[in-house]
Amino acid sequence: MAQSSYIATALFLAIIAAATNVSAAGSGAAIDLAAQVRGQGFPCDKPKGAEKNNKASRPNEEVWILTCENASYRMTVVPDMAAKVEKLGKQ
């Protein structure tokens, strides 16, 4: 009985740790992508989040949706190149 309690606790802690890592990675990506968008001349006040679009992404070409307080962007990011940035919503 005690062993199953330990297993359940370990599983619970593993799930919490994984969820924390995912949200931390998302916020880090948002900060990095917001800096890149601003560097390319687009406004991005207070980045709220970034979500990778796995279906649209390819090797060495990741597609992200960046949400800022004042705008949202679809970004195609290729290493060592400027990102392709498309403003979403009202133009």
Foldseek 3Di string as FASTA:
>chain_A
DVVVVVVVVVVVVVVVVVVVVVVVVFVVVLVVVQVLCVVVPDDAAAWDTKDWDVVPADVQWTWIWTDGPVWIWIWTGGPPDRIDIDTDDDD
